[in-house]
Amino acid sequence: MVELLHNSQRRSPDEYAIKVDLLSKHFRIPKERKHTTYDHLVSLLPGRDTAYDEFWALKDVSFSVQKGETFGVIGANGSGKSTLLKILAGVLYPDSGTVDVNGKIAPFLELGVGFQPDLSARENIYLYGSIMGLSKKSIATRYDEILDFSDLRRFEHMRLKNFSSGMTIRLAFATAIQTDPDILLVDEVFAVGDEAFQRKCTEKIEEIKRAGKTIVYVSHALESVRELCSRCLALDHGRIRSLGETNTVIEDYLAISASGSRV
């Protein structure tokens, strides 16, 4: 059974920003490449091996995030971190379990999706801002702040296809951060850009924390997780390996990684 609860269906909304209960999600992975429709049909005939393997990206994951909390999610590549954030954002739907979200979410998952390379930076700010839910008037009011934060004012009228990947991410982050959400879902934002921009992102996240917003922060940068997050969970093969105070979870994660043990 799948249940996604938002706003009017919330349970005990004063208690938490996000509550996840027994969340599971799997994908079907083809065992071999099918070149034609005939190959695909033959693989489904009785007596043939199953055409797909089942991959459980998440299995029976349960946790809650309090309002105003900065909550970390860590784990090796393929542990289910990004799948979890996409389900919280409503991009993917789980196979079973419940997700209860209390507030407006801004997902910083794949920054820049929706940008058009043949449009200028200015045009893309208005386009991307609209995708992120900002009105044209709101974008106009915040336009200068977006350019100043991204340090891209001199490239305002340049087509995006001539931007570096780092410049594109800076423009996307500077625009998305203006949405003023209740809950931020952040996936490896600090892995891009130079040191000065990463520091600016950290300062912005700290500002958002002081404003009492809720943040779910996924990162391989464990020191930034220590710095930003009060609590944390570690995922391993789609299951929760550890959940609790950040330093304790990180030390457990490092010990498990060093030993090579898995769930």
Protein backbone atom coordinates (compact mmCIF):
# COMPACT_ATOMS: atom_id res chain seq x y z
CA MET A 1 0.00 0.00 0.00
CA VAL A 2 1.30 3.44 -0.93
CA GLU A 3 0.23 6.56 0.91
CA LEU A 4 1.53 10.07 0.25
CA LEU A 5 0.14 12.64 2.66
CA HIS A 6 0.41 16.39 2.13
CA ASN A 7 -1.06 19.43 3.89
CA SER A 8 -4.77 18.69 4.50
CA GLN A 9 -4.04 14.99 5.15
CA ARG A 10 -1.24 15.63 7.62
CA ARG A 11 -1.05 13.78 10.91
CA SER A 12 0.00 15.77 14.01
CA PRO A 13 1.43 18.64 11.92
CA ASP A 14 2.97 20.41 14.92
CA GLU A 15 5.28 17.50 15.62
CA TYR A 16 7.36 17.21 12.47
CA ALA A 17 8.11 18.54 9.01
CA ILE A 18 8.57 15.08 7.44
CA LYS A 19 7.56 11.64 8.63
CA VAL A 20 8.46 8.49 6.69
CA ASP A 21 7.11 5.07 7.66
CA LEU A 22 8.21 1.73 6.17
CA LEU A 23 9.10 3.29 2.83
CA SER A 24 10.14 0.90 0.05
CA LYS A 25 10.99 1.40 -3.63
CA HIS A 26 12.29 -1.06 -6.18
CA PHE A 27 13.32 -0.94 -9.82
CA ARG A 28 13.42 -3.63 -12.48
CA ILE A 29 16.83 -4.00 -14.12
CA PRO A 30 17.02 -5.89 -17.46
CA LYS A 31 19.32 -8.91 -17.26
CA GLU A 32 20.45 -8.44 -20.83
CA ARG A 33 20.04 -5.92 -23.58
CA LYS A 34 17.09 -6.57 -25.90
CA HIS A 35 17.85 -5.36 -29.42
CA THR A 36 14.41 -5.99 -30.92
CA THR A 37 10.79 -6.44 -29.83
CA TYR A 38 11.17 -10.12 -30.79
CA ASP A 39 14.08 -10.52 -28.34
CA HIS A 40 11.97 -8.96 -25.60
CA LEU A 41 8.96 -11.22 -26.28
CA VAL A 42 11.08 -14.37 -26.45
CA SER A 43 12.62 -13.56 -23.07
CA LEU A 44 9.11 -13.58 -21.53
CA LEU A 45 8.18 -17.07 -22.78
CA PRO A 46 7.61 -19.86 -20.20
CA GLY A 47 10.82 -21.68 -19.41
CA ARG A 48 12.97 -18.65 -20.11
CA ASP A 49 14.83 -16.91 -17.30
CA THR A 50 13.08 -13.88 -15.81
CA ALA A 51 13.90 -10.92 -18.00
CA TYR A 52 14.52 -8.58 -15.06
CA ASP A 53 16.27 -8.52 -11.73
CA GLU A 54 14.63 -6.63 -8.89
CA PHE A 55 16.72 -3.90 -7.27
CA TRP A 56 15.46 -2.53 -3.97
CA ALA A 57 16.65 1.07 -3.79
CA LEU A 58 14.85 1.51 -0.43
CA LYS A 59 13.49 -1.13 1.93
CA ASP A 60 11.36 -0.44 5.04
CA VAL A 61 12.88 2.98 5.76
CA SER A 62 11.32 4.89 8.68
CA PHE A 63 12.34 8.21 10.25
CA SER A 64 11.01 11.67 11.06
CA VAL A 65 12.45 15.18 10.73
CA GLN A 66 11.41 17.82 13.23
CA LYS A 67 10.38 21.31 12.15
CA GLY A 68 13.41 23.58 12.00
CA GLU A 69 15.85 20.65 12.05
CA THR A 70 18.76 20.15 9.66
CA PHE A 71 18.80 16.40 9.03
CA GLY A 72 21.62 14.60 7.22
CA VAL A 73 21.53 11.55 4.96
CA ILE A 74 24.78 9.74 4.20
CA GLY A 75 25.79 6.51 2.51
CA ALA A 76 27.86 5.04 -0.30
CA ASN A 77 26.91 5.48 -3.95
CA GLY A 78 23.85 3.36 -4.69
CA SER A 79 22.69 3.26 -1.07
CA GLY A 80 19.34 4.94 -1.87
CA LYS A 81 20.00 8.56 -0.86
CA SER A 82 18.90 10.25 -4.08
CA THR A 83 15.91 7.90 -4.45
CA LEU A 84 14.80 8.91 -0.97
CA LEU A 85 15.02 12.63 -1.76
CA LYS A 86 13.15 12.18 -5.04
CA ILE A 87 10.31 10.44 -3.22
CA LEU A 88 10.19 13.21 -0.60
CA ALA A 89 10.05 15.74 -3.46
CA GLY A 90 7.25 13.86 -5.25
CA VAL A 91 9.42 13.11 -8.29
CA LEU A 92 9.17 9.35 -7.64
CA TYR A 93 6.44 7.35 -5.95
CA PRO A 94 7.20 4.54 -3.48
CA ASP A 95 5.96 0.97 -3.86
CA SER A 96 4.84 0.87 -0.23
CA GLY A 97 4.94 2.91 2.94
CA THR A 98 3.84 6.43 3.84
CA VAL A 99 5.40 9.87 3.37
CA ASP A 100 3.89 12.72 5.36
CA VAL A 101 5.17 16.20 4.43
CA ASN A 102 4.14 19.28 6.39
CA GLY A 103 5.04 22.42 4.42
CA LYS A 104 6.20 23.77 1.07
CA ILE A 105 9.20 21.87 -0.32
CA ALA A 106 12.00 23.18 -2.55
CA PRO A 107 13.98 20.26 -4.00
CA PHE A 108 17.61 21.13 -4.87
CA LEU A 109 18.14 17.75 -6.51
CA GLU A 110 19.12 18.30 -10.13
CA LEU A 111 19.83 22.00 -10.28
CA GLY A 112 19.39 23.53 -13.69
CA VAL A 113 16.91 21.00 -15.08
CA GLY A 114 14.66 23.16 -17.23
CA PHE A 115 17.36 25.60 -18.31
CA GLN A 116 17.46 26.32 -22.04
CA PRO A 117 20.99 26.59 -23.49
CA ASP A 118 20.01 28.95 -26.31
CA LEU A 119 18.52 31.49 -23.90
CA SER A 120 20.51 34.10 -21.98
CA ALA A 121 21.20 33.97 -18.26
CA ARG A 122 18.55 36.63 -17.74
CA GLU A 123 15.93 34.69 -19.69
CA ASN A 124 16.79 31.49 -17.85
CA ILE A 125 16.42 33.17 -14.47
CA TYR A 126 12.81 34.01 -15.36
CA LEU A 127 12.21 30.57 -16.86
CA TYR A 128 13.76 28.60 -13.99
CA GLY A 129 12.18 30.85 -11.38
CA SER A 130 8.78 30.09 -12.88
CA ILE A 131 9.51 26.36 -12.80
CA MET A 132 10.43 26.72 -9.11
CA GLY A 133 7.07 28.37 -8.43
CA LEU A 134 7.98 32.08 -8.38
CA SER A 135 5.75 34.67 -10.04
CA LYS A 136 7.20 36.99 -12.66
CA LYS A 137 6.86 39.89 -10.22
CA SER A 138 8.73 37.98 -7.50
CA ILE A 139 11.52 37.12 -9.90
CA ALA A 140 11.84 40.76 -10.97
CA THR A 141 12.05 41.85 -7.32
CA ARG A 142 14.79 39.32 -6.58
CA TYR A 143 16.59 39.48 -9.92
CA ASP A 144 19.53 41.61 -8.77
CA GLU A 145 20.03 39.45 -5.69
CA ILE A 146 20.14 36.35 -7.88
CA LEU A 147 22.82 37.83 -10.11
CA ASP A 148 24.84 39.12 -7.16
CA PHE A 149 24.74 35.77 -5.36
CA SER A 150 25.83 33.89 -8.48
CA ASP A 151 28.57 36.45 -9.33
CA LEU A 152 27.42 36.31 -12.94
CA ARG A 153 26.28 39.87 -13.59
CA ARG A 154 28.82 40.43 -16.36
CA PHE A 155 27.42 37.33 -18.14
CA GLU A 156 23.78 38.42 -17.78
CA HIS A 157 23.12 38.49 -21.53
CA MET A 158 25.33 35.55 -22.53
CA ARG A 159 23.67 32.39 -23.81
CA LEU A 160 23.74 29.57 -21.33
CA LYS A 161 25.36 27.16 -23.79
CA ASN A 162 28.54 29.20 -23.42
CA PHE A 163 28.55 28.82 -19.61
CA SER A 164 30.74 26.32 -17.81
CA SER A 165 28.94 23.64 -15.77
CA GLY A 166 29.97 25.45 -12.58
CA MET A 167 28.51 28.74 -13.79
CA THR A 168 25.25 27.01 -14.68
CA ILE A 169 24.95 25.45 -11.22
CA ARG A 170 25.70 28.78 -9.58
CA LEU A 171 22.91 30.43 -11.55
CA ALA A 172 20.48 27.59 -10.73
CA PHE A 173 21.26 27.62 -7.01
CA ALA A 174 21.03 31.41 -6.79
CA THR A 175 17.60 31.28 -8.45
CA ALA A 176 16.23 28.28 -6.56
CA ILE A 177 17.25 29.66 -3.16
CA GLN A 178 14.80 32.53 -3.66
CA THR A 179 11.72 30.29 -3.43
CA ASP A 180 11.46 30.72 0.38
CA PRO A 181 10.28 27.16 1.14
CA ASP A 182 9.47 25.59 4.51
CA ILE A 183 11.57 22.52 3.71
CA LEU A 184 14.73 22.29 1.58
CA LEU A 185 15.91 19.02 0.05
CA VAL A 186 19.59 19.47 -0.78
CA ASP A 187 21.57 16.88 -2.76
CA GLU A 188 25.32 17.52 -3.04
CA VAL A 189 25.02 21.23 -3.83
CA PHE A 190 28.44 21.85 -2.29
CA ALA A 191 30.12 19.37 -4.61
CA VAL A 192 30.12 21.94 -7.42
CA GLY A 193 31.61 25.38 -7.85
CA ASP A 194 34.84 26.79 -6.46
CA GLU A 195 35.72 27.17 -2.79
CA ALA A 196 34.34 30.71 -2.61
CA PHE A 197 30.94 29.62 -3.97
CA GLN A 198 30.82 26.58 -1.67
CA ARG A 199 31.47 28.89 1.28
CA LYS A 200 28.70 31.19 0.09
CA CYS A 201 26.33 28.21 -0.14
CA THR A 202 27.24 27.16 3.40
CA GLU A 203 26.56 30.66 4.69
CA LYS A 204 23.20 30.69 2.90
CA ILE A 205 22.24 27.34 4.40
CA GLU A 206 23.18 28.66 7.84
CA GLU A 207 20.99 31.71 7.22
CA ILE A 208 18.09 29.43 6.27
CA LYS A 209 18.67 27.38 9.44
CA ARG A 210 18.54 30.51 11.59
CA ALA A 211 15.22 31.39 9.96
CA GLY A 212 13.80 28.15 11.39
CA LYS A 213 13.48 26.29 8.09
CA THR A 214 13.78 22.51 7.82
CA ILE A 215 16.63 21.06 5.74
CA VAL A 216 17.27 17.50 4.56
CA TYR A 217 20.89 17.44 3.43
CA VAL A 218 22.45 14.58 1.44
CA SER A 219 26.21 14.62 1.01
CA HIS A 220 29.41 12.59 0.82
CA ALA A 221 31.18 15.53 2.50
CA LEU A 222 30.99 14.21 6.03
CA GLU A 223 32.56 17.27 7.64
CA SER A 224 29.84 19.51 6.21
CA VAL A 225 27.25 17.03 7.53
CA ARG A 226 28.88 17.27 10.97
CA GLU A 227 28.84 21.07 10.77
CA LEU A 228 25.26 21.49 9.54
CA CYS A 229 23.22 18.57 10.86
CA SER A 230 22.02 17.81 14.38
CA ARG A 231 20.84 14.32 13.45
CA CYS A 232 21.65 11.99 10.60
CA LEU A 233 20.83 8.65 9.06
CA ALA A 234 23.15 6.32 7.18
CA LEU A 235 21.71 4.22 4.36
CA ASP A 236 23.26 0.96 3.17
CA HIS A 237 21.76 -1.02 0.26
CA GLY A 238 18.47 0.82 0.72
CA ARG A 239 18.14 0.08 4.43
CA ILE A 240 18.86 2.26 7.45
CA ARG A 241 22.23 1.29 8.88
CA SER A 242 22.28 3.91 11.63
CA LEU A 243 20.02 6.73 12.80
CA GLY A 244 20.60 9.30 15.52
CA GLU A 245 23.05 11.99 16.65
CA THR A 246 25.27 13.03 13.75
CA ASN A 247 28.73 12.29 15.19
CA THR A 248 27.64 8.84 16.36
CA VAL A 249 26.13 7.95 12.97
CA ILE A 250 29.18 9.19 11.06
CA GLU A 251 31.60 7.26 13.28
CA ASP A 252 29.51 4.12 12.81
CA TYR A 253 29.41 4.70 9.05
CA LEU A 254 33.20 5.18 8.87
CA ALA A 255 33.81 2.05 10.94
CA ILE A 256 31.52 -0.01 8.72
CA SER A 257 33.13 1.42 5.57
CA ALA A 258 36.61 0.58 6.87
CA SER A 259 35.62 -2.97 7.73
CA GLY A 260 33.79 -3.57 4.48
CA SER A 261 30.69 -4.84 6.30
CA ARG A 262 27.28 -4.22 4.73
CA VAL A 263 23.65 -4.60 5.77
